[in-house]
Amino acid sequence: MELRLTEIFFSLQGEARTVGCPTVFVRLTGCPQRCVWCDTEYAFSGGEKWSLAAILEEVGRHGARYVTVTGGEPLAQPHCLTLLGALCDAGYQVSLETGGAMDIAGVDERVSVVMDLKAPGSAEQHNNRLENIPLLRPHHQVKFVLADRRDYDWARFMLDQHNLAERVSDVLFSPVQGQLAPGQLADWIIEDRLPVRFQLQLHKLLWDDARGR
């Protein structure tokens, strides 16, 4: 069994619930979505084939507690589900970053799913798989990346419509870098008293979005 990987690297988690924690990132190659603000286009193609054993060996070499499987869109590769289970079996705290267009039903229950819901400004709203929402669990997370007020109002509607704050541990609101001022988004959240977590991507603040950091 092989998976196509763009990279494996050790860094600090830049977002979500474990932000700031030393983490191994396993970035799988390929993605069926084309968000207009994507910051990992280099993972759309290319990469190298890795065996499951080689991936586990490389992850173990870093001695980290946390592992994040990301992409691209990791669930676009069927063997991703096997990888997630194997990482959990090895004792890691595993998270999966998924764009929300792929079925999460087969994801190991031990994994913390961090699922995007794509706002209108992403040009991928039509690919949101809303059937995933009933599958979300209390240890999962939902992420909204927002470019403007229209995106924010849509996210606020989705938050209420699907009772997301009660369904998952964290609902994450992030501004698109260079399009929505972080302070503006923070002000809207405070004004509306939303039960969400505002976040900036730590890795961009520390390393200016350098690849492999």
N, C-alpha and C. Protein backbone atom coordinates (compact mmCIF):
# COMPACT_ATOMS: atom_id res chain seq x y z
N MET A 1 0.83 -1.19 0.00
CA MET A 1 0.00 0.00 0.00
C MET A 1 0.87 1.25 0.00
N GLU A 2 0.60 2.17 -0.91
CA GLU A 2 1.37 3.40 -1.03
C GLU A 2 0.45 4.61 -1.06
N LEU A 3 1.00 5.73 -0.60
CA LEU A 3 0.32 7.02 -0.70
C LEU A 3 1.28 7.99 -1.38
N ARG A 4 0.70 8.95 -2.09
CA ARG A 4 1.53 9.97 -2.73
C ARG A 4 1.62 11.18 -1.81
N LEU A 5 2.84 11.52 -1.41
CA LEU A 5 3.08 12.59 -0.45
C LEU A 5 3.83 13.74 -1.11
N THR A 6 3.46 14.95 -0.72
CA THR A 6 4.21 16.13 -1.11
C THR A 6 5.36 16.38 -0.14
N GLU A 7 5.10 16.18 1.16
CA GLU A 7 6.15 16.41 2.16
C GLU A 7 5.72 15.86 3.52
N ILE A 8 6.73 15.58 4.34
CA ILE A 8 6.55 15.34 5.77
C ILE A 8 7.51 16.29 6.47
N PHE A 9 7.01 17.03 7.45
CA PHE A 9 7.89 17.96 8.16
C PHE A 9 7.43 18.15 9.60
N PHE A 10 8.34 18.64 10.41
CA PHE A 10 8.10 18.86 11.84
C PHE A 10 8.10 20.36 12.10
N SER A 11 7.04 20.85 12.75
CA SER A 11 6.94 22.28 13.00
C SER A 11 6.00 22.49 14.19
N LEU A 12 5.55 23.74 14.36
CA LEU A 12 4.50 24.05 15.31
C LEU A 12 3.17 24.08 14.58
N GLN A 13 2.15 23.55 15.22
CA GLN A 13 0.81 23.63 14.64
C GLN A 13 0.43 25.11 14.52
N GLY A 14 -0.01 25.50 13.32
CA GLY A 14 -0.29 26.91 13.08
C GLY A 14 -1.72 27.32 13.32
N GLU A 15 -2.62 26.38 13.52
CA GLU A 15 -4.03 26.73 13.68
C GLU A 15 -4.79 25.61 14.38
N ALA A 16 -6.07 25.86 14.59
CA ALA A 16 -6.98 24.90 15.23
C ALA A 16 -6.66 24.73 16.72
N ARG A 17 -7.20 23.68 17.31
CA ARG A 17 -7.20 23.55 18.77
C ARG A 17 -5.81 23.38 19.36
N THR A 18 -4.90 22.74 18.64
CA THR A 18 -3.56 22.49 19.18
C THR A 18 -2.54 23.50 18.67
N VAL A 19 -2.98 24.69 18.32
CA VAL A 19 -2.08 25.73 17.82
C VAL A 19 -0.90 25.91 18.77
N GLY A 20 0.30 25.98 18.20
CA GLY A 20 1.50 26.17 18.99
C GLY A 20 2.17 24.89 19.44
N CYS A 21 1.52 23.75 19.27
CA CYS A 21 2.09 22.48 19.74
C CYS A 21 3.02 21.88 18.67
N PRO A 22 4.18 21.35 19.08
CA PRO A 22 5.04 20.66 18.12
C PRO A 22 4.29 19.50 17.46
N THR A 23 4.33 19.48 16.13
CA THR A 23 3.49 18.57 15.35
C THR A 23 4.23 18.09 14.12
N VAL A 24 4.03 16.82 13.76
CA VAL A 24 4.49 16.32 12.47
C VAL A 24 3.35 16.46 11.47
N PHE A 25 3.66 17.04 10.33
CA PHE A 25 2.67 17.22 9.26
C PHE A 25 2.96 16.24 8.14
N VAL A 26 1.94 15.50 7.75
CA VAL A 26 2.02 14.59 6.61
C VAL A 26 1.12 15.17 5.52
N ARG A 27 1.74 15.74 4.49
CA ARG A 27 0.97 16.43 3.45
C ARG A 27 0.82 15.52 2.23
N LEU A 28 -0.41 15.07 2.00
CA LEU A 28 -0.71 14.23 0.86
C LEU A 28 -0.92 15.08 -0.39
N THR A 29 -0.62 14.49 -1.53
CA THR A 29 -0.69 15.20 -2.81
C THR A 29 -2.07 15.04 -3.43
N GLY A 30 -2.54 16.10 -4.09
CA GLY A 30 -3.78 16.05 -4.85
C GLY A 30 -4.93 16.75 -4.14
N CYS A 31 -5.76 17.42 -4.94
CA CYS A 31 -6.94 18.10 -4.39
C CYS A 31 -7.95 18.34 -5.50
N PRO A 32 -9.22 17.99 -5.29
CA PRO A 32 -10.23 18.24 -6.32
C PRO A 32 -10.80 19.65 -6.27
N GLN A 33 -10.47 20.42 -5.23
CA GLN A 33 -10.99 21.77 -5.08
C GLN A 33 -9.96 22.81 -5.54
N ARG A 34 -10.46 24.01 -5.85
CA ARG A 34 -9.59 25.09 -6.29
C ARG A 34 -10.03 26.40 -5.64
N CYS A 35 -9.84 26.47 -4.32
CA CYS A 35 -10.17 27.70 -3.59
C CYS A 35 -9.31 28.84 -4.12
N VAL A 36 -9.91 30.00 -4.29
CA VAL A 36 -9.19 31.10 -4.93
C VAL A 36 -8.04 31.62 -4.07
N TRP A 37 -8.08 31.34 -2.77
CA TRP A 37 -6.99 31.81 -1.90
C TRP A 37 -6.11 30.67 -1.38
N CYS A 38 -6.12 29.55 -2.06
CA CYS A 38 -5.35 28.41 -1.60
C CYS A 38 -3.88 28.78 -1.43
N ASP A 39 -3.29 28.34 -0.32
CA ASP A 39 -1.88 28.63 -0.05
C ASP A 39 -1.01 27.37 -0.15
N THR A 40 -1.57 26.28 -0.67
CA THR A 40 -0.77 25.05 -0.85
C THR A 40 -0.98 24.48 -2.25
N GLU A 41 -0.98 25.34 -3.24
CA GLU A 41 -1.16 24.87 -4.62
C GLU A 41 -0.06 23.91 -5.05
N TYR A 42 1.11 24.01 -4.41
CA TYR A 42 2.21 23.11 -4.75
C TYR A 42 1.89 21.65 -4.43
N ALA A 43 0.83 21.41 -3.64
CA ALA A 43 0.44 20.05 -3.30
C ALA A 43 -0.62 19.47 -4.25
N PHE A 44 -0.99 20.22 -5.27
CA PHE A 44 -2.00 19.73 -6.21
C PHE A 44 -1.50 18.54 -7.03
N SER A 45 -0.21 18.50 -7.32
CA SER A 45 0.32 17.45 -8.19
C SER A 45 1.76 17.15 -7.80
N GLY A 46 2.31 16.15 -8.46
CA GLY A 46 3.69 15.77 -8.17
C GLY A 46 3.77 14.85 -6.97
N GLY A 47 4.70 15.14 -6.07
CA GLY A 47 4.88 14.31 -4.89
C GLY A 47 5.61 13.02 -5.21
N GLU A 48 5.78 12.20 -4.17
CA GLU A 48 6.43 10.92 -4.29
C GLU A 48 5.63 9.85 -3.56
N LYS A 49 5.73 8.62 -4.04
CA LYS A 49 5.02 7.52 -3.41
C LYS A 49 5.79 7.04 -2.18
N TRP A 50 5.06 6.88 -1.08
CA TRP A 50 5.62 6.37 0.18
C TRP A 50 4.82 5.16 0.62
N SER A 51 5.50 4.17 1.16
CA SER A 51 4.79 3.07 1.79
C SER A 51 4.29 3.50 3.16
N LEU A 52 3.30 2.80 3.67
CA LEU A 52 2.78 3.11 4.99
C LEU A 52 3.88 2.96 6.04
N ALA A 53 4.69 1.93 5.91
CA ALA A 53 5.76 1.70 6.88
C ALA A 53 6.77 2.85 6.87
N ALA A 54 7.09 3.35 5.68
CA ALA A 54 8.05 4.45 5.58
C ALA A 54 7.49 5.73 6.20
N ILE A 55 6.21 5.97 6.01
CA ILE A 55 5.59 7.15 6.61
C ILE A 55 5.64 7.05 8.13
N LEU A 56 5.27 5.90 8.67
CA LEU A 56 5.27 5.73 10.12
C LEU A 56 6.69 5.87 10.69
N GLU A 57 7.66 5.36 9.96
CA GLU A 57 9.05 5.48 10.42
C GLU A 57 9.49 6.94 10.46
N GLU A 58 9.15 7.69 9.41
CA GLU A 58 9.56 9.10 9.35
C GLU A 58 8.83 9.92 10.42
N VAL A 59 7.55 9.67 10.62
CA VAL A 59 6.81 10.37 11.67
C VAL A 59 7.44 10.09 13.03
N GLY A 60 7.76 8.82 13.29
CA GLY A 60 8.34 8.44 14.58
C GLY A 60 9.70 9.05 14.85
N ARG A 61 10.42 9.37 13.79
CA ARG A 61 11.76 9.93 13.93
C ARG A 61 11.75 11.28 14.65
N HIS A 62 10.62 12.00 14.60
CA HIS A 62 10.57 13.35 15.16
C HIS A 62 10.16 13.38 16.64
N GLY A 63 9.64 12.28 17.14
CA GLY A 63 9.33 12.20 18.56
C GLY A 63 8.21 13.11 19.02
N ALA A 64 7.26 13.42 18.16
CA ALA A 64 6.17 14.33 18.51
C ALA A 64 4.94 13.56 18.99
N ARG A 65 4.13 14.22 19.77
CA ARG A 65 2.88 13.63 20.24
C ARG A 65 1.77 13.81 19.20
N TYR A 66 1.81 14.95 18.48
CA TYR A 66 0.72 15.30 17.57
C TYR A 66 1.13 15.07 16.12
N VAL A 67 0.19 14.56 15.33
CA VAL A 67 0.38 14.39 13.89
C VAL A 67 -0.84 14.95 13.18
N THR A 68 -0.58 15.76 12.15
CA THR A 68 -1.66 16.29 11.32
C THR A 68 -1.50 15.77 9.91
N VAL A 69 -2.55 15.15 9.40
CA VAL A 69 -2.59 14.71 8.00
C VAL A 69 -3.35 15.76 7.22
N THR A 70 -2.69 16.31 6.19
CA THR A 70 -3.24 17.45 5.48
C THR A 70 -2.98 17.30 3.99
N GLY A 71 -3.22 18.35 3.22
CA GLY A 71 -3.01 18.28 1.80
C GLY A 71 -2.70 19.66 1.22
N GLY A 72 -3.13 19.87 -0.01
CA GLY A 72 -4.13 19.18 -0.79
C GLY A 72 -5.37 18.78 0.00
N GLU A 73 -5.99 17.74 -0.53
CA GLU A 73 -7.14 17.12 0.14
C GLU A 73 -6.79 15.68 0.43
N PRO A 74 -6.42 15.38 1.69
CA PRO A 74 -5.95 14.02 1.99
C PRO A 74 -6.96 12.93 1.69
N LEU A 75 -8.25 13.20 1.88
CA LEU A 75 -9.26 12.16 1.68
C LEU A 75 -9.46 11.82 0.20
N ALA A 76 -8.83 12.57 -0.70
CA ALA A 76 -8.89 12.22 -2.12
C ALA A 76 -8.10 10.94 -2.41
N GLN A 77 -7.22 10.55 -1.49
CA GLN A 77 -6.50 9.28 -1.62
C GLN A 77 -7.15 8.24 -0.71
N PRO A 78 -7.69 7.17 -1.27
CA PRO A 78 -8.42 6.19 -0.46
C PRO A 78 -7.60 5.62 0.69
N HIS A 79 -6.30 5.44 0.52
CA HIS A 79 -5.48 4.86 1.57
C HIS A 79 -5.24 5.81 2.74
N CYS A 80 -5.72 7.05 2.60
CA CYS A 80 -5.62 8.00 3.73
C CYS A 80 -6.30 7.44 4.97
N LEU A 81 -7.42 6.75 4.79
CA LEU A 81 -8.15 6.21 5.94
C LEU A 81 -7.31 5.18 6.69
N THR A 82 -6.58 4.37 5.94
CA THR A 82 -5.69 3.38 6.57
C THR A 82 -4.56 4.07 7.31
N LEU A 83 -4.00 5.11 6.71
CA LEU A 83 -2.94 5.87 7.36
C LEU A 83 -3.41 6.47 8.67
N LEU A 84 -4.59 7.06 8.67
CA LEU A 84 -5.12 7.66 9.89
C LEU A 84 -5.25 6.63 11.01
N GLY A 85 -5.79 5.47 10.67
CA GLY A 85 -5.94 4.42 11.67
C GLY A 85 -4.61 3.93 12.19
N ALA A 86 -3.63 3.80 11.30
CA ALA A 86 -2.30 3.33 11.72
C ALA A 86 -1.63 4.33 12.64
N LEU A 87 -1.79 5.62 12.37
CA LEU A 87 -1.21 6.65 13.24
C LEU A 87 -1.86 6.62 14.62
N CYS A 88 -3.17 6.44 14.65
CA CYS A 88 -3.87 6.32 15.94
C CYS A 88 -3.39 5.08 16.70
N ASP A 89 -3.26 3.97 16.01
CA ASP A 89 -2.78 2.73 16.64
C ASP A 89 -1.39 2.90 17.22
N ALA A 90 -0.58 3.77 16.60
CA ALA A 90 0.78 4.01 17.08
C ALA A 90 0.83 4.95 18.28
N GLY A 91 -0.33 5.45 18.69
CA GLY A 91 -0.40 6.25 19.91
C GLY A 91 -0.36 7.75 19.73
N TYR A 92 -0.41 8.23 18.49
CA TYR A 92 -0.36 9.67 18.26
C TYR A 92 -1.75 10.31 18.44
N GLN A 93 -1.74 11.59 18.77
CA GLN A 93 -2.95 12.41 18.72
C GLN A 93 -3.04 12.92 17.29
N VAL A 94 -4.03 12.46 16.56
CA VAL A 94 -4.08 12.67 15.12
C VAL A 94 -5.21 13.63 14.75
N SER A 95 -4.89 14.60 13.90
CA SER A 95 -5.92 15.46 13.32
C SER A 95 -5.87 15.35 11.81
N LEU A 96 -7.00 15.58 11.18
CA LEU A 96 -7.14 15.52 9.73
C LEU A 96 -7.69 16.85 9.25
N GLU A 97 -6.96 17.52 8.36
CA GLU A 97 -7.45 18.76 7.77
C GLU A 97 -8.07 18.44 6.41
N THR A 98 -9.38 18.65 6.31
CA THR A 98 -10.11 18.30 5.09
C THR A 98 -10.95 19.48 4.63
N GLY A 99 -11.06 19.61 3.30
CA GLY A 99 -11.74 20.76 2.72
C GLY A 99 -13.24 20.72 2.74
N GLY A 100 -13.83 19.62 3.17
CA GLY A 100 -15.28 19.57 3.33
C GLY A 100 -16.04 19.04 2.12
N ALA A 101 -15.34 18.67 1.06
CA ALA A 101 -16.02 18.16 -0.12
C ALA A 101 -16.06 16.64 -0.18
N MET A 102 -15.27 15.98 0.68
CA MET A 102 -15.16 14.52 0.67
C MET A 102 -15.88 13.92 1.88
N ASP A 103 -16.36 12.71 1.71
CA ASP A 103 -17.09 12.01 2.76
C ASP A 103 -16.17 11.69 3.93
N ILE A 104 -16.56 12.08 5.16
CA ILE A 104 -15.76 11.79 6.35
C ILE A 104 -16.25 10.57 7.11
N ALA A 105 -17.23 9.85 6.55
CA ALA A 105 -17.85 8.75 7.28
C ALA A 105 -16.85 7.67 7.69
N GLY A 106 -15.84 7.43 6.86
CA GLY A 106 -14.90 6.35 7.14
C GLY A 106 -13.72 6.73 8.00
N VAL A 107 -13.64 7.98 8.44
CA VAL A 107 -12.50 8.43 9.23
C VAL A 107 -12.54 7.79 10.62
N ASP A 108 -11.40 7.30 11.08
CA ASP A 108 -11.29 6.67 12.39
C ASP A 108 -11.85 7.59 13.47
N GLU A 109 -12.65 7.02 14.36
CA GLU A 109 -13.31 7.81 15.41
C GLU A 109 -12.33 8.52 16.33
N ARG A 110 -11.08 8.04 16.38
CA ARG A 110 -10.09 8.64 17.26
C ARG A 110 -9.48 9.92 16.69
N VAL A 111 -9.70 10.17 15.43
CA VAL A 111 -9.12 11.32 14.74
C VAL A 111 -9.96 12.57 15.00
N SER A 112 -9.29 13.69 15.25
CA SER A 112 -9.98 14.98 15.32
C SER A 112 -10.05 15.56 13.91
N VAL A 113 -11.24 15.54 13.34
CA VAL A 113 -11.45 16.09 12.01
C VAL A 113 -11.53 17.61 12.11
N VAL A 114 -10.74 18.30 11.29
CA VAL A 114 -10.84 19.76 11.17
C VAL A 114 -11.37 20.01 9.76
N MET A 115 -12.67 20.29 9.67
CA MET A 115 -13.35 20.35 8.38
C MET A 115 -13.70 21.77 8.00
N ASP A 116 -13.29 22.15 6.80
CA ASP A 116 -13.67 23.45 6.25
C ASP A 116 -15.13 23.43 5.82
N LEU A 117 -15.78 24.56 5.98
CA LEU A 117 -16.99 24.87 5.21
C LEU A 117 -16.63 26.07 4.36
N LYS A 118 -16.69 25.90 3.05
CA LYS A 118 -16.19 26.91 2.12
C LYS A 118 -17.21 28.03 1.93
N ALA A 119 -16.80 29.24 2.26
CA ALA A 119 -17.65 30.42 2.13
C ALA A 119 -17.77 30.84 0.67
N PRO A 120 -18.74 31.71 0.34
CA PRO A 120 -18.94 32.10 -1.06
C PRO A 120 -17.68 32.65 -1.74
N GLY A 121 -16.87 33.42 -1.02
CA GLY A 121 -15.70 34.03 -1.62
C GLY A 121 -14.64 33.06 -2.06
N SER A 122 -14.72 31.81 -1.61
CA SER A 122 -13.73 30.80 -1.98
C SER A 122 -13.92 30.27 -3.40
N ALA A 123 -15.11 30.48 -3.97
CA ALA A 123 -15.53 29.90 -5.25
C ALA A 123 -15.71 28.39 -5.17
N GLU A 124 -15.79 27.86 -3.96
CA GLU A 124 -15.99 26.41 -3.77
C GLU A 124 -17.20 26.09 -2.89
N GLN A 125 -18.04 27.08 -2.63
CA GLN A 125 -19.21 26.85 -1.77
C GLN A 125 -20.08 25.72 -2.30
N HIS A 126 -20.18 25.60 -3.61
CA HIS A 126 -21.05 24.60 -4.22
C HIS A 126 -20.58 23.17 -3.94
N ASN A 127 -19.31 23.02 -3.53
CA ASN A 127 -18.78 21.68 -3.26
C ASN A 127 -18.84 21.28 -1.79
N ASN A 128 -19.39 22.13 -0.93
CA ASN A 128 -19.55 21.73 0.47
C ASN A 128 -20.44 20.50 0.55
N ARG A 129 -19.94 19.46 1.18
CA ARG A 129 -20.72 18.23 1.36
C ARG A 129 -21.46 18.35 2.70
N LEU A 130 -22.67 18.89 2.64
CA LEU A 130 -23.42 19.15 3.86
C LEU A 130 -23.82 17.85 4.57
N GLU A 131 -23.78 16.74 3.85
CA GLU A 131 -24.06 15.44 4.48
C GLU A 131 -23.02 15.09 5.55
N ASN A 132 -21.88 15.79 5.53
CA ASN A 132 -20.87 15.55 6.56
C ASN A 132 -21.27 16.14 7.92
N ILE A 133 -22.10 17.14 7.91
CA ILE A 133 -22.39 17.84 9.17
C ILE A 133 -22.99 16.92 10.23
N PRO A 134 -23.96 16.06 9.90
CA PRO A 134 -24.46 15.13 10.93
C PRO A 134 -23.42 14.13 11.41
N LEU A 135 -22.33 13.96 10.66
CA LEU A 135 -21.27 13.01 11.04
C LEU A 135 -20.25 13.63 11.98
N LEU A 136 -20.31 14.93 12.18
CA LEU A 136 -19.35 15.61 13.06
C LEU A 136 -19.55 15.16 14.51
N ARG A 137 -18.44 15.05 15.24
CA ARG A 137 -18.45 14.57 16.62
C ARG A 137 -17.93 15.66 17.56
N PRO A 138 -18.17 15.52 18.86
CA PRO A 138 -17.76 16.57 19.82
C PRO A 138 -16.27 16.89 19.81
N HIS A 139 -15.41 15.96 19.39
CA HIS A 139 -13.98 16.25 19.36
C HIS A 139 -13.52 16.76 18.00
N HIS A 140 -14.44 16.98 17.09
CA HIS A 140 -14.12 17.53 15.78
C HIS A 140 -14.13 19.06 15.82
N GLN A 141 -13.68 19.67 14.71
CA GLN A 141 -13.63 21.12 14.59
C GLN A 141 -14.11 21.52 13.20
N VAL A 142 -14.69 22.71 13.12
CA VAL A 142 -15.15 23.25 11.83
C VAL A 142 -14.46 24.59 11.61
N LYS A 143 -13.95 24.80 10.39
CA LYS A 143 -13.19 26.00 10.08
C LYS A 143 -13.85 26.78 8.96
N PHE A 144 -13.96 28.10 9.15
CA PHE A 144 -14.41 29.02 8.11
C PHE A 144 -13.27 29.99 7.81
N VAL A 145 -12.90 30.10 6.55
CA VAL A 145 -11.93 31.10 6.11
C VAL A 145 -12.71 32.16 5.36
N LEU A 146 -12.59 33.42 5.81
CA LEU A 146 -13.52 34.47 5.40
C LEU A 146 -12.78 35.63 4.74
N ALA A 147 -13.33 36.10 3.62
CA ALA A 147 -12.68 37.16 2.85
C ALA A 147 -13.34 38.52 3.02
N ASP A 148 -14.61 38.55 3.43
CA ASP A 148 -15.32 39.83 3.50
C ASP A 148 -16.58 39.66 4.35
N ARG A 149 -17.37 40.72 4.41
CA ARG A 149 -18.58 40.70 5.24
C ARG A 149 -19.60 39.67 4.73
N ARG A 150 -19.69 39.50 3.42
CA ARG A 150 -20.63 38.51 2.90
C ARG A 150 -20.25 37.12 3.38
N ASP A 151 -18.97 36.79 3.34
CA ASP A 151 -18.52 35.50 3.85
C ASP A 151 -18.85 35.36 5.34
N TYR A 152 -18.61 36.42 6.08
CA TYR A 152 -18.88 36.38 7.52
C TYR A 152 -20.37 36.14 7.79
N ASP A 153 -21.23 36.85 7.10
CA ASP A 153 -22.67 36.68 7.32
C ASP A 153 -23.12 35.27 6.95
N TRP A 154 -22.54 34.72 5.88
CA TRP A 154 -22.86 33.34 5.49
C TRP A 154 -22.41 32.37 6.58
N ALA A 155 -21.20 32.56 7.10
CA ALA A 155 -20.68 31.68 8.16
C ALA A 155 -21.53 31.78 9.42
N ARG A 156 -21.95 32.97 9.75
CA ARG A 156 -22.81 33.16 10.92
C ARG A 156 -24.14 32.42 10.73
N PHE A 157 -24.68 32.45 9.51
CA PHE A 157 -25.91 31.72 9.22
C PHE A 157 -25.69 30.22 9.36
N MET A 158 -24.59 29.70 8.83
CA MET A 158 -24.31 28.28 8.92
C MET A 158 -24.10 27.85 10.37
N LEU A 159 -23.43 28.69 11.13
CA LEU A 159 -23.22 28.41 12.56
C LEU A 159 -24.55 28.19 13.26
N ASP A 160 -25.51 29.06 12.98
CA ASP A 160 -26.82 28.98 13.62
C ASP A 160 -27.68 27.86 13.01
N GLN A 161 -27.69 27.78 11.69
CA GLN A 161 -28.54 26.82 10.99
C GLN A 161 -28.23 25.38 11.39
N HIS A 162 -26.95 25.08 11.59
CA HIS A 162 -26.53 23.70 11.87
C HIS A 162 -26.08 23.51 13.31
N ASN A 163 -26.30 24.52 14.14
CA ASN A 163 -25.99 24.39 15.57
C ASN A 163 -24.55 23.90 15.78
N LEU A 164 -23.63 24.49 15.04
CA LEU A 164 -22.26 23.96 15.00
C LEU A 164 -21.53 24.10 16.33
N ALA A 165 -21.79 25.18 17.05
CA ALA A 165 -21.07 25.38 18.31
C ALA A 165 -21.41 24.32 19.34
N GLU A 166 -22.58 23.70 19.22
CA GLU A 166 -22.98 22.62 20.14
C GLU A 166 -22.55 21.26 19.61
N ARG A 167 -22.26 21.19 18.32
CA ARG A 167 -21.98 19.92 17.67
C ARG A 167 -20.50 19.53 17.78
N VAL A 168 -19.59 20.53 17.74
CA VAL A 168 -18.15 20.27 17.73
C VAL A 168 -17.47 21.04 18.84
N SER A 169 -16.19 20.70 19.08
CA SER A 169 -15.47 21.36 20.18
C SER A 169 -15.11 22.79 19.86
N ASP A 170 -14.77 23.08 18.61
CA ASP A 170 -14.35 24.42 18.22
C ASP A 170 -14.86 24.76 16.83
N VAL A 171 -15.41 25.97 16.72
CA VAL A 171 -15.72 26.56 15.41
C VAL A 171 -14.71 27.69 15.21
N LEU A 172 -13.94 27.60 14.13
CA LEU A 172 -12.80 28.48 13.90
C LEU A 172 -13.11 29.47 12.80
N PHE A 173 -12.94 30.76 13.07
CA PHE A 173 -13.11 31.81 12.07
C PHE A 173 -11.74 32.42 11.79
N SER A 174 -11.33 32.41 10.53
CA SER A 174 -10.04 32.98 10.13
C SER A 174 -10.23 33.97 8.99
N PRO A 175 -9.47 35.07 8.98
CA PRO A 175 -9.52 35.99 7.85
C PRO A 175 -8.57 35.53 6.74
N VAL A 176 -8.96 35.77 5.50
CA VAL A 176 -8.05 35.55 4.38
C VAL A 176 -6.96 36.60 4.46
N GLN A 177 -5.72 36.14 4.49
CA GLN A 177 -4.59 37.05 4.63
C GLN A 177 -4.55 38.03 3.45
N GLY A 178 -4.49 39.32 3.76
CA GLY A 178 -4.41 40.34 2.73
C GLY A 178 -5.74 40.77 2.16
N GLN A 179 -6.85 40.13 2.59
CA GLN A 179 -8.17 40.50 2.06
C GLN A 179 -9.10 41.03 3.15
N LEU A 180 -9.09 40.40 4.32
CA LEU A 180 -9.93 40.85 5.43
C LEU A 180 -9.02 41.16 6.61
N ALA A 181 -9.11 42.39 7.11
CA ALA A 181 -8.27 42.80 8.23
C ALA A 181 -8.62 41.97 9.46
N PRO A 182 -7.64 41.37 10.14
CA PRO A 182 -7.93 40.56 11.32
C PRO A 182 -8.74 41.30 12.37
N GLY A 183 -8.40 42.56 12.61
CA GLY A 183 -9.14 43.33 13.61
C GLY A 183 -10.60 43.52 13.25
N GLN A 184 -10.89 43.64 11.95
CA GLN A 184 -12.27 43.79 11.51
C GLN A 184 -13.07 42.53 11.81
N LEU A 185 -12.50 41.37 11.49
CA LEU A 185 -13.19 40.12 11.80
C LEU A 185 -13.37 39.96 13.30
N ALA A 186 -12.35 40.29 14.07
CA ALA A 186 -12.47 40.20 15.53
C ALA A 186 -13.59 41.10 16.04
N ASP A 187 -13.71 42.30 15.50
CA ASP A 187 -14.76 43.22 15.94
C ASP A 187 -16.15 42.65 15.64
N TRP A 188 -16.31 42.05 14.47
CA TRP A 188 -17.61 41.47 14.13
C TRP A 188 -17.97 40.34 15.10
N ILE A 189 -17.01 39.49 15.40
CA ILE A 189 -17.26 38.38 16.32
C ILE A 189 -17.66 38.89 17.69
N ILE A 190 -16.96 39.90 18.17
CA ILE A 190 -17.26 40.46 19.50
C ILE A 190 -18.63 41.13 19.49
N GLU A 191 -18.91 41.88 18.43
CA GLU A 191 -20.19 42.59 18.34
C GLU A 191 -21.36 41.61 18.35
N ASP A 192 -21.21 40.50 17.65
CA ASP A 192 -22.30 39.52 17.55
C ASP A 192 -22.24 38.45 18.63
N ARG A 193 -21.21 38.52 19.48
CA ARG A 193 -21.05 37.56 20.58
C ARG A 193 -21.14 36.11 20.08
N LEU A 194 -20.41 35.84 19.05
CA LEU A 194 -20.46 34.50 18.45
C LEU A 194 -19.66 33.51 19.29
N PRO A 195 -20.15 32.28 19.44
CA PRO A 195 -19.44 31.23 20.20
C PRO A 195 -18.41 30.53 19.32
N VAL A 196 -17.44 31.32 18.81
CA VAL A 196 -16.43 30.78 17.91
C VAL A 196 -15.06 31.16 18.43
N ARG A 197 -14.04 30.54 17.82
CA ARG A 197 -12.65 30.87 18.13
C ARG A 197 -12.04 31.62 16.95
N PHE A 198 -11.64 32.87 17.19
CA PHE A 198 -10.91 33.63 16.19
C PHE A 198 -9.49 33.08 16.10
N GLN A 199 -8.98 32.95 14.89
CA GLN A 199 -7.60 32.47 14.77
C GLN A 199 -6.88 33.13 13.61
N LEU A 200 -5.60 33.33 13.80
CA LEU A 200 -4.67 33.67 12.74
C LEU A 200 -3.74 32.48 12.55
N GLN A 201 -3.21 32.32 11.38
CA GLN A 201 -2.33 31.19 11.10
C GLN A 201 -0.93 31.50 11.63
N LEU A 202 -0.57 30.83 12.71
CA LEU A 202 0.67 31.11 13.41
C LEU A 202 1.89 30.95 12.52
N HIS A 203 1.88 29.94 11.66
CA HIS A 203 3.05 29.70 10.82
C HIS A 203 3.31 30.84 9.84
N LYS A 204 2.24 31.55 9.44
CA LYS A 204 2.43 32.69 8.55
C LYS A 204 3.02 33.88 9.31
N LEU A 205 2.63 34.02 10.56
CA LEU A 205 3.20 35.10 11.38
C LEU A 205 4.67 34.85 11.69
N LEU A 206 5.01 33.59 11.94
CA LEU A 206 6.39 33.26 12.33
C LEU A 206 7.33 33.17 11.13
N TRP A 207 6.87 32.54 10.05
CA TRP A 207 7.78 32.20 8.95
C TRP A 207 7.30 32.68 7.58
N ASP A 208 6.31 33.58 7.57
CA ASP A 208 5.83 34.17 6.32
C ASP A 208 5.42 33.09 5.32
N ASP A 209 4.77 32.04 5.83
CA ASP A 209 4.21 30.98 4.99
C ASP A 209 5.28 30.22 4.19
N ALA A 210 6.48 30.13 4.74
CA ALA A 210 7.53 29.36 4.06
C ALA A 210 7.13 27.88 3.99
N ARG A 211 7.40 27.25 2.88
CA ARG A 211 7.06 25.84 2.70
C ARG A 211 7.85 24.98 3.69
N GLY A 212 7.16 23.98 4.23
CA GLY A 212 7.81 23.06 5.18
C GLY A 212 7.99 23.63 6.55
N ARG A 213 7.31 24.75 6.88
CA ARG A 213 7.38 25.33 8.22
C ARG A 213 5.97 25.35 8.83
